[in-house]
Amino acid sequence: MTYNLSVLDATQTGTDNLITQVATGVSSFTPMLLLFIWAIITITGYKKQKESGGFGDAPLWTTIGGIVTTVVALILSRGTNMITLTILVSTVVLTILSGIWLMSSGDRQ
């Protein structure tokens, strides 16, 4: 698999344009970026809650991570071609599913 990244020059175009060019040349960049954001928020929040209270609420942190990831995806979809409609819809659907998991998971401590 080859990528067309021969025209990248951050000094001439700026960092924002550089990231857009990378996302255009490497199709898996944006989904991996969103997955990274979701994983960092979910895992970090769960571990911190478990350390401080002895109980980690996985449905809660999955939903919070999904909401933040959806907001980031909406921001990236405005004005740039970094996010396709399929990725945006998938992000929203997964956030809704994690919210359903949160609401159906029973009592909160």
PDB file of N, CA and C in Angstrom:
ATOM      1  N   MET A   1       0.846  -1.164   0.000  1.00  0.00           N
ATOM      2  CA  MET A   1       0.000   0.000   0.000  1.00  0.00           C
ATOM      3  C   MET A   1       0.896   1.233   0.000  1.00  0.00           C
ATOM      4  N   THR A   2       0.675   2.122  -0.929  1.00  0.00           N
ATOM      5  CA  THR A   2       1.482   3.333  -1.021  1.00  0.00           C
ATOM      6  C   THR A   2       0.602   4.543  -0.727  1.00  0.00           C
ATOM      7  N   TYR A   3       1.232   5.550  -0.166  1.00  0.00           N
ATOM      8  CA  TYR A   3       0.541   6.778   0.176  1.00  0.00           C
ATOM      9  C   TYR A   3       1.188   7.929  -0.568  1.00  0.00           C
ATOM     10  N   ASN A   4       0.376   8.860  -1.015  1.00  0.00           N
ATOM     11  CA  ASN A   4       0.872  10.020  -1.731  1.00  0.00           C
ATOM     12  C   ASN A   4       1.077  11.156  -0.739  1.00  0.00           C
ATOM     13  N   LEU A   5       2.243  11.198  -0.125  1.00  0.00           N
ATOM     14  CA  LEU A   5       2.557  12.246   0.840  1.00  0.00           C
ATOM     15  C   LEU A   5       3.776  13.064   0.410  1.00  0.00           C
ATOM     16  N   SER A   6       4.005  13.158  -0.867  1.00  0.00           N
ATOM     17  CA  SER A   6       5.203  13.817  -1.361  1.00  0.00           C
ATOM     18  C   SER A   6       5.137  15.332  -1.294  1.00  0.00           C
ATOM     19  N   VAL A   7       3.977  15.911  -1.070  1.00  0.00           N
ATOM     20  CA  VAL A   7       3.840  17.369  -1.097  1.00  0.00           C
ATOM     21  C   VAL A   7       3.723  17.966   0.300  1.00  0.00           C
ATOM     22  N   LEU A   8       4.059  17.230   1.324  1.00  0.00           N
ATOM     23  CA  LEU A   8       3.926  17.738   2.686  1.00  0.00           C
ATOM     24  C   LEU A   8       5.056  18.695   3.021  1.00  0.00           C
ATOM     25  N   ASP A   9       4.689  19.898   3.432  1.00  0.00           N
ATOM     26  CA  ASP A   9       5.665  20.892   3.839  1.00  0.00           C
ATOM     27  C   ASP A   9       5.001  21.807   4.857  1.00  0.00           C
ATOM     28  N   ALA A  10       5.260  21.567   6.126  1.00  0.00           N
ATOM     29  CA  ALA A  10       4.595  22.321   7.194  1.00  0.00           C
ATOM     30  C   ALA A  10       5.028  23.782   7.230  1.00  0.00           C
ATOM     31  N   THR A  11       6.204  24.083   6.715  1.00  0.00           N
ATOM     32  CA  THR A  11       6.670  25.469   6.759  1.00  0.00           C
ATOM     33  C   THR A  11       5.932  26.339   5.756  1.00  0.00           C
ATOM     34  N   GLN A  12       5.450  25.765   4.673  1.00  0.00           N
ATOM     35  CA  GLN A  12       4.770  26.545   3.648  1.00  0.00           C
ATOM     36  C   GLN A  12       3.261  26.608   3.852  1.00  0.00           C
ATOM     37  N   THR A  13       2.665  25.546   4.390  1.00  0.00           N
ATOM     38  CA  THR A  13       1.212  25.472   4.395  1.00  0.00           C
ATOM     39  C   THR A  13       0.598  25.592   5.777  1.00  0.00           C
ATOM     40  N   GLY A  14       1.332  25.384   6.823  1.00  0.00           N
ATOM     41  CA  GLY A  14       0.776  25.431   8.168  1.00  0.00           C
ATOM     42  C   GLY A  14       0.439  24.047   8.678  1.00  0.00           C
ATOM     43  N   THR A  15       0.363  23.935   9.987  1.00  0.00           N
ATOM     44  CA  THR A  15       0.142  22.638  10.607  1.00  0.00           C
ATOM     45  C   THR A  15      -1.249  22.099  10.321  1.00  0.00           C
ATOM     46  N   ASP A  16      -2.271  22.957  10.316  1.00  0.00           N
ATOM     47  CA  ASP A  16      -3.625  22.480  10.059  1.00  0.00           C
ATOM     48  C   ASP A  16      -3.761  21.903   8.658  1.00  0.00           C
ATOM     49  N   ASN A  17      -3.154  22.540   7.689  1.00  0.00           N
ATOM     50  CA  ASN A  17      -3.182  22.021   6.322  1.00  0.00           C
ATOM     51  C   ASN A  17      -2.367  20.735   6.216  1.00  0.00           C
ATOM     52  N   LEU A  18      -1.291  20.638   6.972  1.00  0.00           N
ATOM     53  CA  LEU A  18      -0.473  19.426   6.978  1.00  0.00           C
ATOM     54  C   LEU A  18      -1.282  18.235   7.486  1.00  0.00           C
ATOM     55  N   ILE A  19      -2.028  18.429   8.575  1.00  0.00           N
ATOM     56  CA  ILE A  19      -2.844  17.343   9.127  1.00  0.00           C
ATOM     57  C   ILE A  19      -3.944  16.954   8.142  1.00  0.00           C
ATOM     58  N   THR A  20      -4.543  17.925   7.480  1.00  0.00           N
ATOM     59  CA  THR A  20      -5.563  17.630   6.477  1.00  0.00           C
ATOM     60  C   THR A  20      -4.977  16.834   5.320  1.00  0.00           C
ATOM     61  N   GLN A  21      -3.766  17.183   4.890  1.00  0.00           N
ATOM     62  CA  GLN A  21      -3.117  16.448   3.803  1.00  0.00           C
ATOM     63  C   GLN A  21      -2.799  15.021   4.220  1.00  0.00           C
ATOM     64  N   VAL A  22      -2.365  14.827   5.452  1.00  0.00           N
ATOM     65  CA  VAL A  22      -2.082  13.477   5.944  1.00  0.00           C
ATOM     66  C   VAL A  22      -3.370  12.664   5.989  1.00  0.00           C
ATOM     67  N   ALA A  23      -4.447  13.264   6.473  1.00  0.00           N
ATOM     68  CA  ALA A  23      -5.730  12.559   6.545  1.00  0.00           C
ATOM     69  C   ALA A  23      -6.248  12.205   5.157  1.00  0.00           C
ATOM     70  N   THR A  24      -5.979  13.054   4.178  1.00  0.00           N
ATOM     71  CA  THR A  24      -6.399  12.761   2.818  1.00  0.00           C
ATOM     72  C   THR A  24      -5.548  11.647   2.220  1.00  0.00           C
ATOM     73  N   GLY A  25      -4.251  11.651   2.480  1.00  0.00           N
ATOM     74  CA  GLY A  25      -3.355  10.639   1.919  1.00  0.00           C
ATOM     75  C   GLY A  25      -3.432   9.297   2.617  1.00  0.00           C
ATOM     76  N   VAL A  26      -3.657   9.301   3.921  1.00  0.00           N
ATOM     77  CA  VAL A  26      -3.719   8.061   4.705  1.00  0.00           C
ATOM     78  C   VAL A  26      -5.158   7.927   5.198  1.00  0.00           C
ATOM     79  N   SER A  27      -5.918   7.059   4.581  1.00  0.00           N
ATOM     80  CA  SER A  27      -7.351   6.982   4.852  1.00  0.00           C
ATOM     81  C   SER A  27      -7.670   6.505   6.263  1.00  0.00           C
ATOM     82  N   SER A  28      -6.766   5.800   6.917  1.00  0.00           N
ATOM     83  CA  SER A  28      -7.047   5.288   8.263  1.00  0.00           C
ATOM     84  C   SER A  28      -6.604   6.260   9.362  1.00  0.00           C
ATOM     85  N   PHE A  29      -6.084   7.422   9.018  1.00  0.00           N
ATOM     86  CA  PHE A  29      -5.594   8.369  10.016  1.00  0.00           C
ATOM     87  C   PHE A  29      -6.714   8.884  10.923  1.00  0.00           C
ATOM     88  N   THR A  30      -7.798   9.359  10.342  1.00  0.00           N
ATOM     89  CA  THR A  30      -8.874   9.945  11.132  1.00  0.00           C
ATOM     90  C   THR A  30      -9.594   8.918  12.006  1.00  0.00           C
ATOM     91  N   PRO A  31      -9.963   7.737  11.492  1.00  0.00           N
ATOM     92  CA  PRO A  31     -10.582   6.761  12.395  1.00  0.00           C
ATOM     93  C   PRO A  31      -9.661   6.348  13.544  1.00  0.00           C
ATOM     94  N   MET A  32      -8.377   6.223  13.292  1.00  0.00           N
ATOM     95  CA  MET A  32      -7.433   5.866  14.356  1.00  0.00           C
ATOM     96  C   MET A  32      -7.280   7.019  15.352  1.00  0.00           C
ATOM     97  N   LEU A  33      -7.320   8.255  14.883  1.00  0.00           N
ATOM     98  CA  LEU A  33      -7.270   9.410  15.775  1.00  0.00           C
ATOM     99  C   LEU A  33      -8.490   9.429  16.696  1.00  0.00           C
ATOM    100  N   LEU A  34      -9.669   9.184  16.128  1.00  0.00           N
ATOM    101  CA  LEU A  34     -10.884   9.155  16.937  1.00  0.00           C
ATOM    102  C   LEU A  34     -10.874   7.989  17.918  1.00  0.00           C
ATOM    103  N   LEU A  35     -10.383   6.840  17.489  1.00  0.00           N
ATOM    104  CA  LEU A  35     -10.277   5.688  18.386  1.00  0.00           C
ATOM    105  C   LEU A  35      -9.309   5.981  19.531  1.00  0.00           C
ATOM    106  N   PHE A  36      -8.224   6.651  19.235  1.00  0.00           N
ATOM    107  CA  PHE A  36      -7.245   7.031  20.255  1.00  0.00           C
ATOM    108  C   PHE A  36      -7.872   7.982  21.278  1.00  0.00           C
ATOM    109  N   ILE A  37      -8.610   8.973  20.812  1.00  0.00           N
ATOM    110  CA  ILE A  37      -9.264   9.929  21.717  1.00  0.00           C
ATOM    111  C   ILE A  37     -10.259   9.197  22.611  1.00  0.00           C
ATOM    112  N   TRP A  38     -11.079   8.331  22.008  1.00  0.00           N
ATOM    113  CA  TRP A  38     -12.070   7.583  22.784  1.00  0.00           C
ATOM    114  C   TRP A  38     -11.393   6.691  23.827  1.00  0.00           C
ATOM    115  N   ALA A  39     -10.353   5.977  23.432  1.00  0.00           N
ATOM    116  CA  ALA A  39      -9.679   5.046  24.344  1.00  0.00           C
ATOM    117  C   ALA A  39      -9.011   5.783  25.497  1.00  0.00           C
ATOM    118  N   ILE A  40      -8.366   6.894  25.220  1.00  0.00           N
ATOM    119  CA  ILE A  40      -7.696   7.650  26.284  1.00  0.00           C
ATOM    120  C   ILE A  40      -8.710   8.144  27.310  1.00  0.00           C
ATOM    121  N   ILE A  41      -9.810   8.720  26.856  1.00  0.00           N
ATOM    122  CA  ILE A  41     -10.820   9.243  27.790  1.00  0.00           C
ATOM    123  C   ILE A  41     -11.467   8.105  28.573  1.00  0.00           C
ATOM    124  N   THR A  42     -11.846   7.037  27.890  1.00  0.00           N
ATOM    125  CA  THR A  42     -12.547   5.933  28.545  1.00  0.00           C
ATOM    126  C   THR A  42     -11.660   5.218  29.557  1.00  0.00           C
ATOM    127  N   ILE A  43     -10.473   4.844  29.152  1.00  0.00           N
ATOM    128  CA  ILE A  43      -9.588   4.080  30.033  1.00  0.00           C
ATOM    129  C   ILE A  43      -9.099   4.939  31.194  1.00  0.00           C
ATOM    130  N   THR A  44      -8.706   6.177  30.911  1.00  0.00           N
ATOM    131  CA  THR A  44      -8.207   7.055  31.969  1.00  0.00           C
ATOM    132  C   THR A  44      -9.298   7.368  32.988  1.00  0.00           C
ATOM    133  N   GLY A  45     -10.484   7.699  32.524  1.00  0.00           N
ATOM    134  CA  GLY A  45     -11.581   7.999  33.436  1.00  0.00           C
ATOM    135  C   GLY A  45     -11.967   6.808  34.287  1.00  0.00           C
ATOM    136  N   TYR A  46     -12.029   5.644  33.672  1.00  0.00           N
ATOM    137  CA  TYR A  46     -12.378   4.424  34.403  1.00  0.00           C
ATOM    138  C   TYR A  46     -11.342   4.115  35.486  1.00  0.00           C
ATOM    139  N   LYS A  47     -10.063   4.195  35.115  1.00  0.00           N
ATOM    140  CA  LYS A  47      -8.998   3.883  36.082  1.00  0.00           C
ATOM    141  C   LYS A  47      -8.964   4.905  37.219  1.00  0.00           C
ATOM    142  N   LYS A  48      -9.112   6.185  36.920  1.00  0.00           N
ATOM    143  CA  LYS A  48      -9.106   7.211  37.967  1.00  0.00           C
ATOM    144  C   LYS A  48     -10.291   7.037  38.909  1.00  0.00           C
ATOM    145  N   GLN A  49     -11.461   6.736  38.360  1.00  0.00           N
ATOM    146  CA  GLN A  49     -12.625   6.525  39.214  1.00  0.00           C
ATOM    147  C   GLN A  49     -12.436   5.287  40.083  1.00  0.00           C
ATOM    148  N   LYS A  50     -11.849   4.245  39.517  1.00  0.00           N
ATOM    149  CA  LYS A  50     -11.631   3.017  40.278  1.00  0.00           C
ATOM    150  C   LYS A  50     -10.595   3.236  41.383  1.00  0.00           C
ATOM    151  N   GLU A  51      -9.555   4.018  41.101  1.00  0.00           N
ATOM    152  CA  GLU A  51      -8.538   4.310  42.113  1.00  0.00           C
ATOM    153  C   GLU A  51      -9.104   5.155  43.251  1.00  0.00           C
ATOM    154  N   SER A  52      -9.918   6.134  42.924  1.00  0.00           N
ATOM    155  CA  SER A  52     -10.395   7.049  43.957  1.00  0.00           C
ATOM    156  C   SER A  52     -11.590   6.499  44.738  1.00  0.00           C
ATOM    157  N   GLY A  53     -12.449   5.734  44.091  1.00  0.00           N
ATOM    158  CA  GLY A  53     -13.645   5.273  44.781  1.00  0.00           C
ATOM    159  C   GLY A  53     -13.753   3.774  44.931  1.00  0.00           C
ATOM    160  N   GLY A  54     -12.840   3.038  44.363  1.00  0.00           N
ATOM    161  CA  GLY A  54     -12.899   1.585  44.443  1.00  0.00           C
ATOM    162  C   GLY A  54     -13.854   0.950  43.457  1.00  0.00           C
ATOM    163  N   PHE A  55     -14.551   1.750  42.675  1.00  0.00           N
ATOM    164  CA  PHE A  55     -15.520   1.241  41.714  1.00  0.00           C
ATOM    165  C   PHE A  55     -15.366   2.020  40.422  1.00  0.00           C
ATOM    166  N   GLY A  56     -15.206   1.317  39.312  1.00  0.00           N
ATOM    167  CA  GLY A  56     -15.127   1.955  38.014  1.00  0.00           C
ATOM    168  C   GLY A  56     -16.398   1.711  37.231  1.00  0.00           C
ATOM    169  N   ASP A  57     -16.993   2.760  36.727  1.00  0.00           N
ATOM    170  CA  ASP A  57     -18.252   2.662  36.001  1.00  0.00           C
ATOM    171  C   ASP A  57     -17.967   2.651  34.494  1.00  0.00           C
ATOM    172  N   ALA A  58     -17.829   1.449  33.922  1.00  0.00           N
ATOM    173  CA  ALA A  58     -17.487   1.313  32.506  1.00  0.00           C
ATOM    174  C   ALA A  58     -18.551   1.907  31.580  1.00  0.00           C
ATOM    175  N   PRO A  59     -19.856   1.682  31.808  1.00  0.00           N
ATOM    176  CA  PRO A  59     -20.839   2.301  30.909  1.00  0.00           C
ATOM    177  C   PRO A  59     -20.781   3.827  30.912  1.00  0.00           C
ATOM    178  N   LEU A  60     -20.549   4.411  32.074  1.00  0.00           N
ATOM    179  CA  LEU A  60     -20.462   5.865  32.168  1.00  0.00           C
ATOM    180  C   LEU A  60     -19.294   6.393  31.357  1.00  0.00           C
ATOM    181  N   TRP A  61     -18.113   5.816  31.546  1.00  0.00           N
ATOM    182  CA  TRP A  61     -16.929   6.323  30.854  1.00  0.00           C
ATOM    183  C   TRP A  61     -16.937   5.994  29.375  1.00  0.00           C
ATOM    184  N   THR A  62     -17.593   4.902  28.991  1.00  0.00           N
ATOM    185  CA  THR A  62     -17.746   4.611  27.561  1.00  0.00           C
ATOM    186  C   THR A  62     -18.640   5.667  26.909  1.00  0.00           C
ATOM    187  N   THR A  63     -19.690   6.066  27.607  1.00  0.00           N
ATOM    188  CA  THR A  63     -20.586   7.091  27.073  1.00  0.00           C
ATOM    189  C   THR A  63     -19.900   8.453  27.020  1.00  0.00           C
ATOM    190  N   ILE A  64     -19.170   8.813  28.065  1.00  0.00           N
ATOM    191  CA  ILE A  64     -18.450  10.093  28.064  1.00  0.00           C
ATOM    192  C   ILE A  64     -17.415  10.122  26.942  1.00  0.00           C
ATOM    193  N   GLY A  65     -16.669   9.036  26.785  1.00  0.00           N
ATOM    194  CA  GLY A  65     -15.698   8.962  25.692  1.00  0.00           C
ATOM    195  C   GLY A  65     -16.362   9.061  24.331  1.00  0.00           C
ATOM    196  N   GLY A  66     -17.543   8.441  24.184  1.00  0.00           N
ATOM    197  CA  GLY A  66     -18.275   8.514  22.922  1.00  0.00           C
ATOM    198  C   GLY A  66     -18.768   9.916  22.623  1.00  0.00           C
ATOM    199  N   ILE A  67     -19.247  10.612  23.653  1.00  0.00           N
ATOM    200  CA  ILE A  67     -19.731  11.980  23.446  1.00  0.00           C
ATOM    201  C   ILE A  67     -18.591  12.907  23.034  1.00  0.00           C
ATOM    202  N   VAL A  68     -17.464  12.801  23.726  1.00  0.00           N
ATOM    203  CA  VAL A  68     -16.315  13.645  23.379  1.00  0.00           C
ATOM    204  C   VAL A  68     -15.820  13.321  21.969  1.00  0.00           C
ATOM    205  N   THR A  69     -15.775  12.046  21.628  1.00  0.00           N
ATOM    206  CA  THR A  69     -15.330  11.645  20.295  1.00  0.00           C
ATOM    207  C   THR A  69     -16.294  12.152  19.224  1.00  0.00           C
ATOM    208  N   THR A  70     -17.591  12.118  19.502  1.00  0.00           N
ATOM    209  CA  THR A  70     -18.571  12.636  18.544  1.00  0.00           C
ATOM    210  C   THR A  70     -18.395  14.136  18.352  1.00  0.00           C
ATOM    211  N   VAL A  71     -18.144  14.865  19.420  1.00  0.00           N
ATOM    212  CA  VAL A  71     -17.919  16.310  19.304  1.00  0.00           C
ATOM    213  C   VAL A  71     -16.664  16.587  18.471  1.00  0.00           C
ATOM    214  N   VAL A  72     -15.594  15.832  18.723  1.00  0.00           N
ATOM    215  CA  VAL A  72     -14.369  16.008  17.933  1.00  0.00           C
ATOM    216  C   VAL A  72     -14.626  15.666  16.467  1.00  0.00           C
ATOM    217  N   ALA A  73     -15.382  14.604  16.211  1.00  0.00           N
ATOM    218  CA  ALA A  73     -15.703  14.231  14.827  1.00  0.00           C
ATOM    219  C   ALA A  73     -16.531  15.308  14.140  1.00  0.00           C
ATOM    220  N   LEU A  74     -17.471  15.914  14.871  1.00  0.00           N
ATOM    221  CA  LEU A  74     -18.266  17.000  14.285  1.00  0.00           C
ATOM    222  C   LEU A  74     -17.393  18.210  13.970  1.00  0.00           C
ATOM    223  N   ILE A  75     -16.454  18.517  14.858  1.00  0.00           N
ATOM    224  CA  ILE A  75     -15.548  19.645  14.610  1.00  0.00           C
ATOM    225  C   ILE A  75     -14.677  19.366  13.388  1.00  0.00           C
ATOM    226  N   LEU A  76     -14.162  18.136  13.281  1.00  0.00           N
ATOM    227  CA  LEU A  76     -13.298  17.806  12.146  1.00  0.00           C
ATOM    228  C   LEU A  76     -14.065  17.728  10.830  1.00  0.00           C
ATOM    229  N   SER A  77     -15.371  17.498  10.902  1.00  0.00           N
ATOM    230  CA  SER A  77     -16.148  17.408   9.666  1.00  0.00           C
ATOM    231  C   SER A  77     -16.516  18.776   9.107  1.00  0.00           C
ATOM    232  N   ARG A  78     -16.369  19.808   9.906  1.00  0.00           N
ATOM    233  CA  ARG A  78     -16.706  21.150   9.452  1.00  0.00           C
ATOM    234  C   ARG A  78     -15.557  21.760   8.650  1.00  0.00           C
ATOM    235  N   GLY A  79     -15.766  21.968   7.404  1.00  0.00           N
ATOM    236  CA  GLY A  79     -14.804  22.698   6.601  1.00  0.00           C
ATOM    237  C   GLY A  79     -13.634  21.910   6.063  1.00  0.00           C
ATOM    238  N   THR A  80     -13.371  20.739   6.592  1.00  0.00           N
ATOM    239  CA  THR A  80     -12.278  19.928   6.078  1.00  0.00           C
ATOM    240  C   THR A  80     -12.836  18.618   5.554  1.00  0.00           C
ATOM    241  N   ASN A  81     -12.045  17.933   4.798  1.00  0.00           N
ATOM    242  CA  ASN A  81     -12.456  16.640   4.265  1.00  0.00           C
ATOM    243  C   ASN A  81     -11.822  15.504   5.049  1.00  0.00           C
ATOM    244  N   MET A  82     -11.650  15.696   6.350  1.00  0.00           N
ATOM    245  CA  MET A  82     -10.976  14.687   7.158  1.00  0.00           C
ATOM    246  C   MET A  82     -11.896  13.538   7.529  1.00  0.00           C
ATOM    247  N   ILE A  83     -13.204  13.779   7.611  1.00  0.00           N
ATOM    248  CA  ILE A  83     -14.130  12.759   8.081  1.00  0.00           C
ATOM    249  C   ILE A  83     -15.190  12.518   7.025  1.00  0.00           C
ATOM    250  N   THR A  84     -15.379  11.259   6.696  1.00  0.00           N
ATOM    251  CA  THR A  84     -16.444  10.898   5.769  1.00  0.00           C
ATOM    252  C   THR A  84     -17.755  10.767   6.541  1.00  0.00           C
ATOM    253  N   LEU A  85     -18.832  10.745   5.822  1.00  0.00           N
ATOM    254  CA  LEU A  85     -20.142  10.611   6.448  1.00  0.00           C
ATOM    255  C   LEU A  85     -20.276   9.267   7.159  1.00  0.00           C
ATOM    256  N   THR A  86     -19.670   8.236   6.620  1.00  0.00           N
ATOM    257  CA  THR A  86     -19.726   6.909   7.238  1.00  0.00           C
ATOM    258  C   THR A  86     -19.086   6.921   8.623  1.00  0.00           C
ATOM    259  N   ILE A  87     -17.937   7.560   8.753  1.00  0.00           N
ATOM    260  CA  ILE A  87     -17.252   7.637  10.045  1.00  0.00           C
ATOM    261  C   ILE A  87     -18.080   8.463  11.029  1.00  0.00           C
ATOM    262  N   LEU A  88     -18.637   9.566  10.567  1.00  0.00           N
ATOM    263  CA  LEU A  88     -19.437  10.428  11.434  1.00  0.00           C
ATOM    264  C   LEU A  88     -20.690   9.705  11.932  1.00  0.00           C
ATOM    265  N   VAL A  89     -21.385   9.020  11.046  1.00  0.00           N
ATOM    266  CA  VAL A  89     -22.585   8.282  11.440  1.00  0.00           C
ATOM    267  C   VAL A  89     -22.219   7.140  12.381  1.00  0.00           C
ATOM    268  N   SER A  90     -21.118   6.453  12.116  1.00  0.00           N
ATOM    269  CA  SER A  90     -20.679   5.365  12.996  1.00  0.00           C
ATOM    270  C   SER A  90     -20.368   5.886  14.390  1.00  0.00           C
ATOM    271  N   THR A  91     -19.743   7.033  14.477  1.00  0.00           N
ATOM    272  CA  THR A  91     -19.423   7.625  15.773  1.00  0.00           C
ATOM    273  C   THR A  91     -20.698   7.960  16.547  1.00  0.00           C
ATOM    274  N   VAL A  92     -21.667   8.544  15.873  1.00  0.00           N
ATOM    275  CA  VAL A  92     -22.928   8.900  16.529  1.00  0.00           C
ATOM    276  C   VAL A  92     -23.683   7.644  16.976  1.00  0.00           C
ATOM    277  N   VAL A  93     -23.728   6.628  16.127  1.00  0.00           N
ATOM    278  CA  VAL A  93     -24.432   5.385  16.470  1.00  0.00           C
ATOM    279  C   VAL A  93     -23.768   4.703  17.665  1.00  0.00           C
ATOM    280  N   LEU A  94     -22.452   4.635  17.683  1.00  0.00           N
ATOM    281  CA  LEU A  94     -21.764   4.014  18.819  1.00  0.00           C
ATOM    282  C   LEU A  94     -21.975   4.806  20.108  1.00  0.00           C
ATOM    283  N   THR A  95     -22.062   6.125  20.010  1.00  0.00           N
ATOM    284  CA  THR A  95     -22.352   6.943  21.186  1.00  0.00           C
ATOM    285  C   THR A  95     -23.763   6.678  21.695  1.00  0.00           C
ATOM    286  N   ILE A  96     -24.703   6.562  20.794  1.00  0.00           N
ATOM    287  CA  ILE A  96     -26.081   6.253  21.197  1.00  0.00           C
ATOM    288  C   ILE A  96     -26.157   4.872  21.843  1.00  0.00           C
ATOM    289  N   LEU A  97     -25.464   3.893  21.272  1.00  0.00           N
ATOM    290  CA  LEU A  97     -25.459   2.547  21.861  1.00  0.00           C
ATOM    291  C   LEU A  97     -24.822   2.534  23.248  1.00  0.00           C
ATOM    292  N   SER A  98     -23.756   3.289  23.429  1.00  0.00           N
ATOM    293  CA  SER A  98     -23.145   3.340  24.761  1.00  0.00           C
ATOM    294  C   SER A  98     -24.049   4.075  25.749  1.00  0.00           C
ATOM    295  N   GLY A  99     -24.810   5.051  25.280  1.00  0.00           N
ATOM    296  CA  GLY A  99     -25.790   5.708  26.139  1.00  0.00           C
ATOM    297  C   GLY A  99     -26.910   4.764  26.546  1.00  0.00           C
ATOM    298  N   ILE A 100     -27.338   3.910  25.623  1.00  0.00           N
ATOM    299  CA  ILE A 100     -28.344   2.907  25.952  1.00  0.00           C
ATOM    300  C   ILE A 100     -27.788   1.929  26.980  1.00  0.00           C
ATOM    301  N   TRP A 101     -26.526   1.545  26.807  1.00  0.00           N
ATOM    302  CA  TRP A 101     -25.883   0.659  27.785  1.00  0.00           C
ATOM    303  C   TRP A 101     -25.842   1.326  29.163  1.00  0.00           C
ATOM    304  N   LEU A 102     -25.534   2.613  29.184  1.00  0.00           N
ATOM    305  CA  LEU A 102     -25.488   3.352  30.454  1.00  0.00           C
ATOM    306  C   LEU A 102     -26.867   3.399  31.115  1.00  0.00           C
ATOM    307  N   MET A 103     -27.895   3.679  30.339  1.00  0.00           N
ATOM    308  CA  MET A 103     -29.239   3.803  30.905  1.00  0.00           C
ATOM    309  C   MET A 103     -29.806   2.450  31.355  1.00  0.00           C
ATOM    310  N   SER A 104     -29.373   1.384  30.733  1.00  0.00           N
ATOM    311  CA  SER A 104     -29.918   0.070  31.090  1.00  0.00           C
ATOM    312  C   SER A 104     -29.040  -0.700  32.075  1.00  0.00           C
ATOM    313  N   SER A 105     -27.965  -0.092  32.546  1.00  0.00           N
ATOM    314  CA  SER A 105     -27.026  -0.822  33.393  1.00  0.00           C
ATOM    315  C   SER A 105     -27.423  -0.864  34.862  1.00  0.00           C
ATOM    316  N   GLY A 106     -28.526  -0.245  35.225  1.00  0.00           N
ATOM    317  CA  GLY A 106     -29.005  -0.364  36.593  1.00  0.00           C
ATOM    318  C   GLY A 106     -28.606   0.803  37.475  1.00  0.00           C
ATOM    319  N   ASP A 107     -28.566   0.533  38.785  1.00  0.00           N
ATOM    320  CA  ASP A 107     -28.287   1.571  39.778  1.00  0.00           C
ATOM    321  C   ASP A 107     -26.861   2.080  39.685  1.00  0.00           C
ATOM    322  N   ARG A 108     -26.713   3.352  39.936  1.00  0.00           N
ATOM    323  CA  ARG A 108     -25.391   3.978  39.993  1.00  0.00           C
ATOM    324  C   ARG A 108     -24.999   4.094  41.453  1.00  0.00           C
ATOM    325  N   GLN A 109     -23.738   3.987  41.746  1.00  0.00           N
ATOM    326  CA  GLN A 109     -23.271   4.108  43.134  1.00  0.00           C
ATOM    327  C   GLN A 109     -22.923   5.540  43.452  1.00  0.00           C
TER     328      GLN A 109
END
